[in-house]
Amino acid sequence: MSGFLFFLIPIGLFATLAVLGVGIYSLAKGGAFAKENSNKLMRLRVLAQAITIALMFLFLFLIGKGPS
């Protein structure tokens, strides 16, 4: 299980980075897209970040527990 989480964490990190990048780009560019989607992108980034942090804590918990 911890091996599977080890591969999910970088995916979560990349997803967070991608949403953050799109959000920063849209705010810098401005326009209708930024007005309509900036709050949604911020919420999506927070969600992706929370999921990634939860996966990290779960991974560390499983690693610290060790084989039984």
C-alpha atoms as a PDB file:
ATOM      1  CA  MET A   1       0.000   0.000   0.000  1.00  0.00           C
ATOM      2  CA  SER A   2       2.795   2.450   0.839  1.00  0.00           C
ATOM      3  CA  GLY A   3       4.369   1.790  -2.569  1.00  0.00           C
ATOM      4  CA  PHE A   4       1.138   2.853  -4.243  1.00  0.00           C
ATOM      5  CA  LEU A   5       1.023   6.042  -2.158  1.00  0.00           C
ATOM      6  CA  PHE A   6       4.648   6.707  -3.062  1.00  0.00           C
ATOM      7  CA  PHE A   7       3.516   7.109  -6.691  1.00  0.00           C
ATOM      8  CA  LEU A   8       0.340   9.053  -5.865  1.00  0.00           C
ATOM      9  CA  ILE A   9       2.174  11.806  -3.974  1.00  0.00           C
ATOM     10  CA  PRO A  10       4.088  13.168  -7.020  1.00  0.00           C
ATOM     11  CA  ILE A  11       0.855  13.115  -9.019  1.00  0.00           C
ATOM     12  CA  GLY A  12      -0.818  15.186  -6.300  1.00  0.00           C
ATOM     13  CA  LEU A  13       2.127  17.570  -6.214  1.00  0.00           C
ATOM     14  CA  PHE A  14       1.997  18.015  -9.964  1.00  0.00           C
ATOM     15  CA  ALA A  15      -1.774  18.575  -9.894  1.00  0.00           C
ATOM     16  CA  THR A  16      -1.366  21.248  -7.221  1.00  0.00           C
ATOM     17  CA  LEU A  17       1.402  22.914  -9.204  1.00  0.00           C
ATOM     18  CA  ALA A  18      -0.623  22.807 -12.414  1.00  0.00           C
ATOM     19  CA  VAL A  19      -3.707  24.393 -10.832  1.00  0.00           C
ATOM     20  CA  LEU A  20      -1.526  27.008  -9.147  1.00  0.00           C
ATOM     21  CA  GLY A  21       0.192  27.789 -12.455  1.00  0.00           C
ATOM     22  CA  VAL A  22      -3.095  28.169 -14.324  1.00  0.00           C
ATOM     23  CA  GLY A  23      -4.425  30.390 -11.549  1.00  0.00           C
ATOM     24  CA  ILE A  24      -1.385  32.660 -11.517  1.00  0.00           C
ATOM     25  CA  TYR A  25      -1.362  32.867 -15.315  1.00  0.00           C
ATOM     26  CA  SER A  26      -5.054  33.740 -15.471  1.00  0.00           C
ATOM     27  CA  LEU A  27      -4.701  36.437 -12.816  1.00  0.00           C
ATOM     28  CA  ALA A  28      -1.675  37.934 -14.569  1.00  0.00           C
ATOM     29  CA  LYS A  29      -3.434  37.916 -17.926  1.00  0.00           C
ATOM     30  CA  GLY A  30      -6.747  39.153 -16.542  1.00  0.00           C
ATOM     31  CA  GLY A  31      -9.881  39.197 -18.651  1.00  0.00           C
ATOM     32  CA  ALA A  32     -13.131  37.304 -18.487  1.00  0.00           C
ATOM     33  CA  PHE A  33     -11.567  33.919 -17.712  1.00  0.00           C
ATOM     34  CA  ALA A  34      -9.883  35.282 -14.578  1.00  0.00           C
ATOM     35  CA  LYS A  35     -13.065  36.975 -13.396  1.00  0.00           C
ATOM     36  CA  GLU A  36     -15.136  33.833 -13.835  1.00  0.00           C
ATOM     37  CA  ASN A  37     -12.685  31.195 -12.634  1.00  0.00           C
ATOM     38  CA  SER A  38     -10.158  32.666 -10.180  1.00  0.00           C
ATOM     39  CA  ASN A  39     -12.156  31.638  -7.101  1.00  0.00           C
ATOM     40  CA  LYS A  40     -12.836  28.161  -8.511  1.00  0.00           C
ATOM     41  CA  LEU A  41      -9.142  27.680  -9.286  1.00  0.00           C
ATOM     42  CA  MET A  42      -8.175  28.757  -5.784  1.00  0.00           C
ATOM     43  CA  ARG A  43     -10.634  26.270  -4.266  1.00  0.00           C
ATOM     44  CA  LEU A  44      -9.385  23.516  -6.555  1.00  0.00           C
ATOM     45  CA  ARG A  45      -5.793  24.279  -5.593  1.00  0.00           C
ATOM     46  CA  VAL A  46      -6.633  24.119  -1.890  1.00  0.00           C
ATOM     47  CA  LEU A  47      -8.433  20.805  -2.428  1.00  0.00           C
ATOM     48  CA  ALA A  48      -5.525  19.320  -4.400  1.00  0.00           C
ATOM     49  CA  GLN A  49      -3.092  20.555  -1.762  1.00  0.00           C
ATOM     50  CA  ALA A  50      -5.160  19.074   1.086  1.00  0.00           C
ATOM     51  CA  ILE A  51      -5.400  15.701  -0.656  1.00  0.00           C
ATOM     52  CA  THR A  52      -1.648  15.671  -1.294  1.00  0.00           C
ATOM     53  CA  ILE A  53      -0.866  16.516   2.330  1.00  0.00           C
ATOM     54  CA  ALA A  54      -3.245  13.798   3.517  1.00  0.00           C
ATOM     55  CA  LEU A  55      -1.499  11.297   1.232  1.00  0.00           C
ATOM     56  CA  MET A  56       1.868  12.364   2.641  1.00  0.00           C
ATOM     57  CA  PHE A  57       0.680  11.881   6.227  1.00  0.00           C
ATOM     58  CA  LEU A  58      -0.818   8.501   5.373  1.00  0.00           C
ATOM     59  CA  PHE A  59       2.423   7.442   3.678  1.00  0.00           C
ATOM     60  CA  LEU A  60       4.486   8.530   6.687  1.00  0.00           C
ATOM     61  CA  PHE A  61       2.103   6.741   9.048  1.00  0.00           C
ATOM     62  CA  LEU A  62       2.343   3.512   7.070  1.00  0.00           C
ATOM     63  CA  ILE A  63       6.129   3.748   6.797  1.00  0.00           C
ATOM     64  CA  GLY A  64       6.495   4.461  10.515  1.00  0.00           C
ATOM     65  CA  LYS A  65       4.248   1.557  11.405  1.00  0.00           C
ATOM     66  CA  GLY A  66       6.560  -0.851   9.614  1.00  0.00           C
ATOM     67  CA  PRO A  67       5.825  -4.440   8.676  1.00  0.00           C
ATOM     68  CA  SER A  68       3.788  -6.308  11.239  1.00  0.00           C
END
